[in-house]
mmCIF file of all heavy atoms, coordinates in Angstrom:
data_MODEL
# 
_entry.id   MODEL 
# 
loop_
_atom_site.group_PDB 
_atom_site.id 
_atom_site.type_symbol 
_atom_site.label_atom_id 
_atom_site.label_alt_id 
_atom_site.label_comp_id 
_atom_site.label_asym_id 
_atom_site.label_entity_id 
_atom_site.label_seq_id 
_atom_site.pdbx_PDB_ins_code 
_atom_site.Cartn_x 
_atom_site.Cartn_y 
_atom_site.Cartn_z 
_atom_site.occupancy 
_atom_site.B_iso_or_equiv 
_atom_site.pdbx_formal_charge 
_atom_site.auth_seq_id 
_atom_site.auth_comp_id 
_atom_site.auth_asym_id 
_atom_site.auth_atom_id 
_atom_site.pdbx_PDB_model_num 
ATOM 1   N N   . GLY A 1 1  ? -3.762  -31.184 -0.064 1.00 0.00 ? 1  GLY A N   1 
ATOM 2   C CA  . GLY A 1 1  ? -4.943  -30.931 0.758  1.00 0.00 ? 1  GLY A CA  1 
ATOM 3   C C   . GLY A 1 1  ? -4.574  -30.686 2.208  1.00 0.00 ? 1  GLY A C   1 
ATOM 4   O O   . GLY A 1 1  ? -5.137  -29.805 2.862  1.00 0.00 ? 1  GLY A O   1 
ATOM 5   N N   . TYR A 1 2  ? -3.622  -31.465 2.696  1.00 0.00 ? 2  TYR A N   1 
ATOM 6   C CA  . TYR A 1 2  ? -3.140  -31.298 4.065  1.00 0.00 ? 2  TYR A CA  1 
ATOM 7   C C   . TYR A 1 2  ? -2.530  -29.908 4.238  1.00 0.00 ? 2  TYR A C   1 
ATOM 8   O O   . TYR A 1 2  ? -2.814  -29.199 5.194  1.00 0.00 ? 2  TYR A O   1 
ATOM 9   C CB  . TYR A 1 2  ? -2.116  -32.382 4.394  1.00 0.00 ? 2  TYR A CB  1 
ATOM 10  C CG  . TYR A 1 2  ? -1.501  -32.270 5.760  1.00 0.00 ? 2  TYR A CG  1 
ATOM 11  C CD1 . TYR A 1 2  ? -2.183  -32.720 6.887  1.00 0.00 ? 2  TYR A CD1 1 
ATOM 12  C CD2 . TYR A 1 2  ? -0.236  -31.723 5.937  1.00 0.00 ? 2  TYR A CD2 1 
ATOM 13  C CE1 . TYR A 1 2  ? -1.622  -32.625 8.154  1.00 0.00 ? 2  TYR A CE1 1 
ATOM 14  C CE2 . TYR A 1 2  ? 0.336   -31.621 7.188  1.00 0.00 ? 2  TYR A CE2 1 
ATOM 15  C CZ  . TYR A 1 2  ? -0.362  -32.078 8.292  1.00 0.00 ? 2  TYR A CZ  1 
ATOM 16  O OH  . TYR A 1 2  ? 0.191   -31.987 9.535  1.00 0.00 ? 2  TYR A OH  1 
ATOM 17  N N   . TRP A 1 3  ? -1.673  -29.523 3.285  1.00 0.00 ? 3  TRP A N   1 
ATOM 18  C CA  . TRP A 1 3  ? -1.012  -28.220 3.373  1.00 0.00 ? 3  TRP A CA  1 
ATOM 19  C C   . TRP A 1 3  ? -2.028  -27.088 3.269  1.00 0.00 ? 3  TRP A C   1 
ATOM 20  O O   . TRP A 1 3  ? -1.938  -26.092 3.988  1.00 0.00 ? 3  TRP A O   1 
ATOM 21  C CB  . TRP A 1 3  ? 0.045   -28.102 2.295  1.00 0.00 ? 3  TRP A CB  1 
ATOM 22  C CG  . TRP A 1 3  ? 0.792   -26.817 2.360  1.00 0.00 ? 3  TRP A CG  1 
ATOM 23  C CD1 . TRP A 1 3  ? 0.785   -25.830 1.433  1.00 0.00 ? 3  TRP A CD1 1 
ATOM 24  C CD2 . TRP A 1 3  ? 1.636   -26.353 3.420  1.00 0.00 ? 3  TRP A CD2 1 
ATOM 25  N NE1 . TRP A 1 3  ? 1.570   -24.784 1.837  1.00 0.00 ? 3  TRP A NE1 1 
ATOM 26  C CE2 . TRP A 1 3  ? 2.109   -25.078 3.062  1.00 0.00 ? 3  TRP A CE2 1 
ATOM 27  C CE3 . TRP A 1 3  ? 2.038   -26.890 4.635  1.00 0.00 ? 3  TRP A CE3 1 
ATOM 28  C CZ2 . TRP A 1 3  ? 2.954   -24.342 3.871  1.00 0.00 ? 3  TRP A CZ2 1 
ATOM 29  C CZ3 . TRP A 1 3  ? 2.872   -26.151 5.435  1.00 0.00 ? 3  TRP A CZ3 1 
ATOM 30  C CH2 . TRP A 1 3  ? 3.321   -24.894 5.055  1.00 0.00 ? 3  TRP A CH2 1 
ATOM 31  N N   . ARG A 1 4  ? -3.012  -27.222 2.364  1.00 0.00 ? 4  ARG A N   1 
ATOM 32  C CA  . ARG A 1 4  ? -4.048  -26.199 2.218  1.00 0.00 ? 4  ARG A CA  1 
ATOM 33  C C   . ARG A 1 4  ? -4.819  -26.017 3.523  1.00 0.00 ? 4  ARG A C   1 
ATOM 34  O O   . ARG A 1 4  ? -5.084  -24.892 3.958  1.00 0.00 ? 4  ARG A O   1 
ATOM 35  C CB  . ARG A 1 4  ? -5.006  -26.585 1.086  1.00 0.00 ? 4  ARG A CB  1 
ATOM 36  C CG  . ARG A 1 4  ? -5.158  -25.506 0.048  1.00 0.00 ? 4  ARG A CG  1 
ATOM 37  C CD  . ARG A 1 4  ? -6.073  -25.910 -1.082 1.00 0.00 ? 4  ARG A CD  1 
ATOM 38  N NE  . ARG A 1 4  ? -5.358  -26.805 -1.977 1.00 0.00 ? 4  ARG A NE  1 
ATOM 39  C CZ  . ARG A 1 4  ? -5.775  -28.024 -2.333 1.00 0.00 ? 4  ARG A CZ  1 
ATOM 40  N NH1 . ARG A 1 4  ? -6.926  -28.479 -1.948 1.00 0.00 ? 4  ARG A NH1 1 
ATOM 41  N NH2 . ARG A 1 4  ? -5.054  -28.783 -3.113 1.00 0.00 ? 4  ARG A NH2 1 
ATOM 42  N N   . ALA A 1 5  ? -5.190  -27.125 4.145  1.00 0.00 ? 5  ALA A N   1 
ATOM 43  C CA  . ALA A 1 5  ? -5.926  -27.057 5.413  1.00 0.00 ? 5  ALA A CA  1 
ATOM 44  C C   . ALA A 1 5  ? -5.061  -26.433 6.509  1.00 0.00 ? 5  ALA A C   1 
ATOM 45  O O   . ALA A 1 5  ? -5.543  -25.635 7.317  1.00 0.00 ? 5  ALA A O   1 
ATOM 46  C CB  . ALA A 1 5  ? -6.389  -28.450 5.820  1.00 0.00 ? 5  ALA A CB  1 
ATOM 47  N N   . ASN A 1 6  ? -3.784  -26.765 6.522  1.00 0.00 ? 6  ASN A N   1 
ATOM 48  C CA  . ASN A 1 6  ? -2.854  -26.205 7.499  1.00 0.00 ? 6  ASN A CA  1 
ATOM 49  C C   . ASN A 1 6  ? -2.738  -24.695 7.315  1.00 0.00 ? 6  ASN A C   1 
ATOM 50  O O   . ASN A 1 6  ? -2.805  -23.930 8.286  1.00 0.00 ? 6  ASN A O   1 
ATOM 51  C CB  . ASN A 1 6  ? -1.488  -26.872 7.337  1.00 0.00 ? 6  ASN A CB  1 
ATOM 52  C CG  . ASN A 1 6  ? -0.486  -26.439 8.396  1.00 0.00 ? 6  ASN A CG  1 
ATOM 53  O OD1 . ASN A 1 6  ? -0.809  -25.716 9.315  1.00 0.00 ? 6  ASN A OD1 1 
ATOM 54  N ND2 . ASN A 1 6  ? 0.732   -26.886 8.243  1.00 0.00 ? 6  ASN A ND2 1 
ATOM 55  N N   . VAL A 1 7  ? -2.609  -24.249 6.084  1.00 0.00 ? 7  VAL A N   1 
ATOM 56  C CA  . VAL A 1 7  ? -2.494  -22.804 5.812  1.00 0.00 ? 7  VAL A CA  1 
ATOM 57  C C   . VAL A 1 7  ? -3.783  -22.088 6.196  1.00 0.00 ? 7  VAL A C   1 
ATOM 58  O O   . VAL A 1 7  ? -3.735  -20.975 6.736  1.00 0.00 ? 7  VAL A O   1 
ATOM 59  C CB  . VAL A 1 7  ? -2.118  -22.562 4.326  1.00 0.00 ? 7  VAL A CB  1 
ATOM 60  C CG1 . VAL A 1 7  ? -2.254  -21.107 3.958  1.00 0.00 ? 7  VAL A CG1 1 
ATOM 61  C CG2 . VAL A 1 7  ? -0.705  -23.051 4.064  1.00 0.00 ? 7  VAL A CG2 1 
ATOM 62  N N   . ARG A 1 8  ? -4.934  -22.721 5.972  1.00 0.00 ? 8  ARG A N   1 
ATOM 63  C CA  . ARG A 1 8  ? -6.214  -22.106 6.383  1.00 0.00 ? 8  ARG A CA  1 
ATOM 64  C C   . ARG A 1 8  ? -6.250  -21.897 7.892  1.00 0.00 ? 8  ARG A C   1 
ATOM 65  O O   . ARG A 1 8  ? -6.698  -20.846 8.373  1.00 0.00 ? 8  ARG A O   1 
ATOM 66  C CB  . ARG A 1 8  ? -7.388  -22.985 5.954  1.00 0.00 ? 8  ARG A CB  1 
ATOM 67  C CG  . ARG A 1 8  ? -8.034  -22.553 4.672  1.00 0.00 ? 8  ARG A CG  1 
ATOM 68  C CD  . ARG A 1 8  ? -9.377  -23.213 4.466  1.00 0.00 ? 8  ARG A CD  1 
ATOM 69  N NE  . ARG A 1 8  ? -9.379  -24.644 4.691  1.00 0.00 ? 8  ARG A NE  1 
ATOM 70  C CZ  . ARG A 1 8  ? -9.187  -25.569 3.749  1.00 0.00 ? 8  ARG A CZ  1 
ATOM 71  N NH1 . ARG A 1 8  ? -8.968  -25.214 2.513  1.00 0.00 ? 8  ARG A NH1 1 
ATOM 72  N NH2 . ARG A 1 8  ? -9.206  -26.853 4.040  1.00 0.00 ? 8  ARG A NH2 1 
ATOM 73  N N   . ILE A 1 9  ? -5.790  -22.874 8.651  1.00 0.00 ? 9  ILE A N   1 
ATOM 74  C CA  . ILE A 1 9  ? -5.768  -22.759 10.115 1.00 0.00 ? 9  ILE A CA  1 
ATOM 75  C C   . ILE A 1 9  ? -4.820  -21.631 10.528 1.00 0.00 ? 9  ILE A C   1 
ATOM 76  O O   . ILE A 1 9  ? -5.152  -20.806 11.386 1.00 0.00 ? 9  ILE A O   1 
ATOM 77  C CB  . ILE A 1 9  ? -5.358  -24.093 10.769 1.00 0.00 ? 9  ILE A CB  1 
ATOM 78  C CG1 . ILE A 1 9  ? -6.420  -25.154 10.513 1.00 0.00 ? 9  ILE A CG1 1 
ATOM 79  C CG2 . ILE A 1 9  ? -5.122  -23.916 12.263 1.00 0.00 ? 9  ILE A CG2 1 
ATOM 80  C CD1 . ILE A 1 9  ? -5.983  -26.561 10.881 1.00 0.00 ? 9  ILE A CD1 1 
ATOM 81  N N   . ILE A 1 10 ? -3.652  -21.576 9.912  1.00 0.00 ? 10 ILE A N   1 
ATOM 82  C CA  . ILE A 1 10 ? -2.665  -20.537 10.240 1.00 0.00 ? 10 ILE A CA  1 
ATOM 83  C C   . ILE A 1 10 ? -3.223  -19.153 9.926  1.00 0.00 ? 10 ILE A C   1 
ATOM 84  O O   . ILE A 1 10 ? -3.124  -18.228 10.740 1.00 0.00 ? 10 ILE A O   1 
ATOM 85  C CB  . ILE A 1 10 ? -1.345  -20.783 9.485  1.00 0.00 ? 10 ILE A CB  1 
ATOM 86  C CG1 . ILE A 1 10 ? -0.657  -22.030 10.026 1.00 0.00 ? 10 ILE A CG1 1 
ATOM 87  C CG2 . ILE A 1 10 ? -0.420  -19.580 9.587  1.00 0.00 ? 10 ILE A CG2 1 
ATOM 88  C CD1 . ILE A 1 10 ? 0.526   -22.488 9.201  1.00 0.00 ? 10 ILE A CD1 1 
ATOM 89  N N   . ILE A 1 11 ? -3.837  -18.996 8.751  1.00 0.00 ? 11 ILE A N   1 
ATOM 90  C CA  . ILE A 1 11 ? -4.397  -17.696 8.371  1.00 0.00 ? 11 ILE A CA  1 
ATOM 91  C C   . ILE A 1 11 ? -5.516  -17.293 9.341  1.00 0.00 ? 11 ILE A C   1 
ATOM 92  O O   . ILE A 1 11 ? -5.599  -16.143 9.764  1.00 0.00 ? 11 ILE A O   1 
ATOM 93  C CB  . ILE A 1 11 ? -4.884  -17.713 6.912  1.00 0.00 ? 11 ILE A CB  1 
ATOM 94  C CG1 . ILE A 1 11 ? -3.671  -17.755 5.978  1.00 0.00 ? 11 ILE A CG1 1 
ATOM 95  C CG2 . ILE A 1 11 ? -5.756  -16.501 6.607  1.00 0.00 ? 11 ILE A CG2 1 
ATOM 96  C CD1 . ILE A 1 11 ? -4.020  -17.960 4.519  1.00 0.00 ? 11 ILE A CD1 1 
ATOM 97  N N   . GLY A 1 12 ? -6.355  -18.243 9.719  1.00 0.00 ? 12 GLY A N   1 
ATOM 98  C CA  . GLY A 1 12 ? -7.407  -17.951 10.686 1.00 0.00 ? 12 GLY A CA  1 
ATOM 99  C C   . GLY A 1 12 ? -6.844  -17.475 12.015 1.00 0.00 ? 12 GLY A C   1 
ATOM 100 O O   . GLY A 1 12 ? -7.330  -16.497 12.598 1.00 0.00 ? 12 GLY A O   1 
ATOM 101 N N   . CYS A 1 13 ? -5.800  -18.139 12.493 1.00 0.00 ? 13 CYS A N   1 
ATOM 102 C CA  . CYS A 1 13 ? -5.165  -17.728 13.751 1.00 0.00 ? 13 CYS A CA  1 
ATOM 103 C C   . CYS A 1 13 ? -4.535  -16.341 13.622 1.00 0.00 ? 13 CYS A C   1 
ATOM 104 O O   . CYS A 1 13 ? -4.626  -15.524 14.541 1.00 0.00 ? 13 CYS A O   1 
ATOM 105 C CB  . CYS A 1 13 ? -4.112  -18.748 14.172 1.00 0.00 ? 13 CYS A CB  1 
ATOM 106 S SG  . CYS A 1 13 ? -4.789  -20.308 14.759 1.00 0.00 ? 13 CYS A SG  1 
ATOM 107 N N   . LEU A 1 14 ? -3.902  -16.077 12.482 1.00 0.00 ? 14 LEU A N   1 
ATOM 108 C CA  . LEU A 1 14 ? -3.294  -14.765 12.276 1.00 0.00 ? 14 LEU A CA  1 
ATOM 109 C C   . LEU A 1 14 ? -4.340  -13.657 12.212 1.00 0.00 ? 14 LEU A C   1 
ATOM 110 O O   . LEU A 1 14 ? -4.106  -12.549 12.711 1.00 0.00 ? 14 LEU A O   1 
ATOM 111 C CB  . LEU A 1 14 ? -2.443  -14.765 11.008 1.00 0.00 ? 14 LEU A CB  1 
ATOM 112 C CG  . LEU A 1 14 ? -1.120  -15.512 11.107 1.00 0.00 ? 14 LEU A CG  1 
ATOM 113 C CD1 . LEU A 1 14 ? -0.441  -15.567 9.745  1.00 0.00 ? 14 LEU A CD1 1 
ATOM 114 C CD2 . LEU A 1 14 ? -0.205  -14.880 12.137 1.00 0.00 ? 14 LEU A CD2 1 
ATOM 115 N N   . VAL A 1 15 ? -5.485  -13.940 11.624 1.00 0.00 ? 15 VAL A N   1 
ATOM 116 C CA  . VAL A 1 15 ? -6.560  -12.946 11.562 1.00 0.00 ? 15 VAL A CA  1 
ATOM 117 C C   . VAL A 1 15 ? -7.063  -12.632 12.969 1.00 0.00 ? 15 VAL A C   1 
ATOM 118 O O   . VAL A 1 15 ? -7.232  -11.465 13.335 1.00 0.00 ? 15 VAL A O   1 
ATOM 119 C CB  . VAL A 1 15 ? -7.702  -13.423 10.640 1.00 0.00 ? 15 VAL A CB  1 
ATOM 120 C CG1 . VAL A 1 15 ? -8.954  -12.584 10.827 1.00 0.00 ? 15 VAL A CG1 1 
ATOM 121 C CG2 . VAL A 1 15 ? -7.254  -13.405 9.187  1.00 0.00 ? 15 VAL A CG2 1 
ATOM 122 N N   . VAL A 1 16 ? -7.282  -13.670 13.778 1.00 0.00 ? 16 VAL A N   1 
ATOM 123 C CA  . VAL A 1 16 ? -7.728  -13.453 15.162 1.00 0.00 ? 16 VAL A CA  1 
ATOM 124 C C   . VAL A 1 16 ? -6.674  -12.654 15.916 1.00 0.00 ? 16 VAL A C   1 
ATOM 125 O O   . VAL A 1 16 ? -6.988  -11.703 16.640 1.00 0.00 ? 16 VAL A O   1 
ATOM 126 C CB  . VAL A 1 16 ? -8.030  -14.797 15.863 1.00 0.00 ? 16 VAL A CB  1 
ATOM 127 C CG1 . VAL A 1 16 ? -8.249  -14.595 17.352 1.00 0.00 ? 16 VAL A CG1 1 
ATOM 128 C CG2 . VAL A 1 16 ? -9.228  -15.466 15.226 1.00 0.00 ? 16 VAL A CG2 1 
ATOM 129 N N   . TRP A 1 17 ? -5.410  -13.023 15.752 1.00 0.00 ? 17 TRP A N   1 
ATOM 130 C CA  . TRP A 1 17 ? -4.321  -12.311 16.415 1.00 0.00 ? 17 TRP A CA  1 
ATOM 131 C C   . TRP A 1 17 ? -4.312  -10.838 16.019 1.00 0.00 ? 17 TRP A C   1 
ATOM 132 O O   . TRP A 1 17 ? -4.185  -9.962  16.864 1.00 0.00 ? 17 TRP A O   1 
ATOM 133 C CB  . TRP A 1 17 ? -2.989  -12.974 16.055 1.00 0.00 ? 17 TRP A CB  1 
ATOM 134 C CG  . TRP A 1 17 ? -1.794  -12.164 16.426 1.00 0.00 ? 17 TRP A CG  1 
ATOM 135 C CD1 . TRP A 1 17 ? -1.263  -12.000 17.673 1.00 0.00 ? 17 TRP A CD1 1 
ATOM 136 C CD2 . TRP A 1 17 ? -1.003  -11.374 15.544 1.00 0.00 ? 17 TRP A CD2 1 
ATOM 137 N NE1 . TRP A 1 17 ? -0.179  -11.165 17.615 1.00 0.00 ? 17 TRP A NE1 1 
ATOM 138 C CE2 . TRP A 1 17 ? 0.006   -10.771 16.314 1.00 0.00 ? 17 TRP A CE2 1 
ATOM 139 C CE3 . TRP A 1 17 ? -1.035  -11.127 14.183 1.00 0.00 ? 17 TRP A CE3 1 
ATOM 140 C CZ2 . TRP A 1 17 ? 0.957   -9.937  15.765 1.00 0.00 ? 17 TRP A CZ2 1 
ATOM 141 C CZ3 . TRP A 1 17 ? -0.079  -10.294 13.636 1.00 0.00 ? 17 TRP A CZ3 1 
ATOM 142 C CH2 . TRP A 1 17 ? 0.900   -9.710  14.431 1.00 0.00 ? 17 TRP A CH2 1 
ATOM 143 N N   . ALA A 1 18 ? -4.450  -10.547 14.713 1.00 0.00 ? 18 ALA A N   1 
ATOM 144 C CA  . ALA A 1 18 ? -4.420  -9.164  14.243 1.00 0.00 ? 18 ALA A CA  1 
ATOM 145 C C   . ALA A 1 18 ? -5.617  -8.369  14.751 1.00 0.00 ? 18 ALA A C   1 
ATOM 146 O O   . ALA A 1 18 ? -5.475  -7.214  15.162 1.00 0.00 ? 18 ALA A O   1 
ATOM 147 C CB  . ALA A 1 18 ? -4.371  -9.141  12.712 1.00 0.00 ? 18 ALA A CB  1 
ATOM 148 N N   . VAL A 1 19 ? -6.798  -8.985  14.740 1.00 0.00 ? 19 VAL A N   1 
ATOM 149 C CA  . VAL A 1 19 ? -7.997  -8.284  15.200 1.00 0.00 ? 19 VAL A CA  1 
ATOM 150 C C   . VAL A 1 19 ? -7.875  -7.936  16.682 1.00 0.00 ? 19 VAL A C   1 
ATOM 151 O O   . VAL A 1 19 ? -8.184  -6.823  17.093 1.00 0.00 ? 19 VAL A O   1 
ATOM 152 C CB  . VAL A 1 19 ? -9.262  -9.125  14.922 1.00 0.00 ? 19 VAL A CB  1 
ATOM 153 C CG1 . VAL A 1 19 ? -10.463 -8.586  15.669 1.00 0.00 ? 19 VAL A CG1 1 
ATOM 154 C CG2 . VAL A 1 19 ? -9.544  -9.170  13.429 1.00 0.00 ? 19 VAL A CG2 1 
ATOM 155 N N   . VAL A 1 20 ? -7.392  -8.884  17.469 1.00 0.00 ? 20 VAL A N   1 
ATOM 156 C CA  . VAL A 1 20 ? -7.301  -8.641  18.917 1.00 0.00 ? 20 VAL A CA  1 
ATOM 157 C C   . VAL A 1 20 ? -6.180  -7.656  19.238 1.00 0.00 ? 20 VAL A C   1 
ATOM 158 O O   . VAL A 1 20 ? -6.384  -6.692  19.965 1.00 0.00 ? 20 VAL A O   1 
ATOM 159 C CB  . VAL A 1 20 ? -7.109  -9.966  19.685 1.00 0.00 ? 20 VAL A CB  1 
ATOM 160 C CG1 . VAL A 1 20 ? -6.750  -9.717  21.136 1.00 0.00 ? 20 VAL A CG1 1 
ATOM 161 C CG2 . VAL A 1 20 ? -8.356  -10.810 19.585 1.00 0.00 ? 20 VAL A CG2 1 
ATOM 162 N N   . SER A 1 21 ? -4.989  -7.890  18.689 1.00 0.00 ? 21 SER A N   1 
ATOM 163 C CA  . SER A 1 21 ? -3.855  -7.046  19.083 1.00 0.00 ? 21 SER A CA  1 
ATOM 164 C C   . SER A 1 21 ? -3.896  -5.679  18.417 1.00 0.00 ? 21 SER A C   1 
ATOM 165 O O   . SER A 1 21 ? -3.645  -4.668  19.075 1.00 0.00 ? 21 SER A O   1 
ATOM 166 C CB  . SER A 1 21 ? -2.537  -7.739  18.767 1.00 0.00 ? 21 SER A CB  1 
ATOM 167 O OG  . SER A 1 21 ? -2.397  -7.914  17.374 1.00 0.00 ? 21 SER A OG  1 
ATOM 168 N N   . LEU A 1 22 ? -4.199  -5.620  17.139 1.00 0.00 ? 22 LEU A N   1 
ATOM 169 C CA  . LEU A 1 22 ? -4.263  -4.328  16.456 1.00 0.00 ? 22 LEU A CA  1 
ATOM 170 C C   . LEU A 1 22 ? -5.644  -3.699  16.547 1.00 0.00 ? 22 LEU A C   1 
ATOM 171 O O   . LEU A 1 22 ? -5.766  -2.522  16.864 1.00 0.00 ? 22 LEU A O   1 
ATOM 172 C CB  . LEU A 1 22 ? -3.887  -4.493  14.983 1.00 0.00 ? 22 LEU A CB  1 
ATOM 173 C CG  . LEU A 1 22 ? -2.409  -4.550  14.682 1.00 0.00 ? 22 LEU A CG  1 
ATOM 174 C CD1 . LEU A 1 22 ? -2.177  -4.884  13.218 1.00 0.00 ? 22 LEU A CD1 1 
ATOM 175 C CD2 . LEU A 1 22 ? -1.752  -3.232  15.014 1.00 0.00 ? 22 LEU A CD2 1 
ATOM 176 N N   . GLY A 1 23 ? -6.643  -4.500  16.248 1.00 0.00 ? 23 GLY A N   1 
ATOM 177 C CA  . GLY A 1 23 ? -8.002  -3.969  16.192 1.00 0.00 ? 23 GLY A CA  1 
ATOM 178 C C   . GLY A 1 23 ? -8.514  -3.473  17.523 1.00 0.00 ? 23 GLY A C   1 
ATOM 179 O O   . GLY A 1 23 ? -8.777  -2.282  17.696 1.00 0.00 ? 23 GLY A O   1 
ATOM 180 N N   . PHE A 1 24 ? -8.678  -4.385  18.471 1.00 0.00 ? 24 PHE A N   1 
ATOM 181 C CA  . PHE A 1 24 ? -9.269  -4.017  19.759 1.00 0.00 ? 24 PHE A CA  1 
ATOM 182 C C   . PHE A 1 24 ? -8.351  -3.147  20.597 1.00 0.00 ? 24 PHE A C   1 
ATOM 183 O O   . PHE A 1 24 ? -8.793  -2.214  21.245 1.00 0.00 ? 24 PHE A O   1 
ATOM 184 C CB  . PHE A 1 24 ? -9.650  -5.260  20.556 1.00 0.00 ? 24 PHE A CB  1 
ATOM 185 C CG  . PHE A 1 24 ? -10.804 -6.023  19.985 1.00 0.00 ? 24 PHE A CG  1 
ATOM 186 C CD1 . PHE A 1 24 ? -10.857 -7.405  20.093 1.00 0.00 ? 24 PHE A CD1 1 
ATOM 187 C CD2 . PHE A 1 24 ? -11.840 -5.384  19.336 1.00 0.00 ? 24 PHE A CD2 1 
ATOM 188 C CE1 . PHE A 1 24 ? -11.924 -8.118  19.575 1.00 0.00 ? 24 PHE A CE1 1 
ATOM 189 C CE2 . PHE A 1 24 ? -12.909 -6.088  18.812 1.00 0.00 ? 24 PHE A CE2 1 
ATOM 190 C CZ  . PHE A 1 24 ? -12.942 -7.460  18.937 1.00 0.00 ? 24 PHE A CZ  1 
ATOM 191 N N   . ALA A 1 25 ? -7.053  -3.453  20.622 1.00 0.00 ? 25 ALA A N   1 
ATOM 192 C CA  . ALA A 1 25 ? -6.150  -2.763  21.533 1.00 0.00 ? 25 ALA A CA  1 
ATOM 193 C C   . ALA A 1 25 ? -5.685  -1.410  21.018 1.00 0.00 ? 25 ALA A C   1 
ATOM 194 O O   . ALA A 1 25 ? -5.348  -0.539  21.814 1.00 0.00 ? 25 ALA A O   1 
ATOM 195 C CB  . ALA A 1 25 ? -4.937  -3.643  21.816 1.00 0.00 ? 25 ALA A CB  1 
ATOM 196 N N   . ILE A 1 26 ? -5.669  -1.201  19.696 1.00 0.00 ? 26 ILE A N   1 
ATOM 197 C CA  . ILE A 1 26 ? -5.114  0.047   19.164 1.00 0.00 ? 26 ILE A CA  1 
ATOM 198 C C   . ILE A 1 26 ? -6.131  0.817   18.320 1.00 0.00 ? 26 ILE A C   1 
ATOM 199 O O   . ILE A 1 26 ? -6.443  1.971   18.607 1.00 0.00 ? 26 ILE A O   1 
ATOM 200 C CB  . ILE A 1 26 ? -3.836  -0.232  18.338 1.00 0.00 ? 26 ILE A CB  1 
ATOM 201 C CG1 . ILE A 1 26 ? -2.761  -0.834  19.240 1.00 0.00 ? 26 ILE A CG1 1 
ATOM 202 C CG2 . ILE A 1 26 ? -3.326  1.034   17.676 1.00 0.00 ? 26 ILE A CG2 1 
ATOM 203 C CD1 . ILE A 1 26 ? -1.545  -1.347  18.516 1.00 0.00 ? 26 ILE A CD1 1 
ATOM 204 N N   . ILE A 1 27 ? -6.649  0.192   17.270 1.00 0.00 ? 27 ILE A N   1 
ATOM 205 C CA  . ILE A 1 27 ? -7.451  0.918   16.280 1.00 0.00 ? 27 ILE A CA  1 
ATOM 206 C C   . ILE A 1 27 ? -8.809  1.342   16.836 1.00 0.00 ? 27 ILE A C   1 
ATOM 207 O O   . ILE A 1 27 ? -9.195  2.506   16.718 1.00 0.00 ? 27 ILE A O   1 
ATOM 208 C CB  . ILE A 1 27 ? -7.602  0.081   14.992 1.00 0.00 ? 27 ILE A CB  1 
ATOM 209 C CG1 . ILE A 1 27 ? -6.220  -0.122  14.351 1.00 0.00 ? 27 ILE A CG1 1 
ATOM 210 C CG2 . ILE A 1 27 ? -8.551  0.752   14.011 1.00 0.00 ? 27 ILE A CG2 1 
ATOM 211 C CD1 . ILE A 1 27 ? -6.199  -1.073  13.189 1.00 0.00 ? 27 ILE A CD1 1 
# 
């Protein structure tokens, strides 16, 4: 459960990172 929650946080951060860096700045 701890690992699942940790991976959810990481995936959420990566999605925000991708949207901001790729989405807003380039696409």
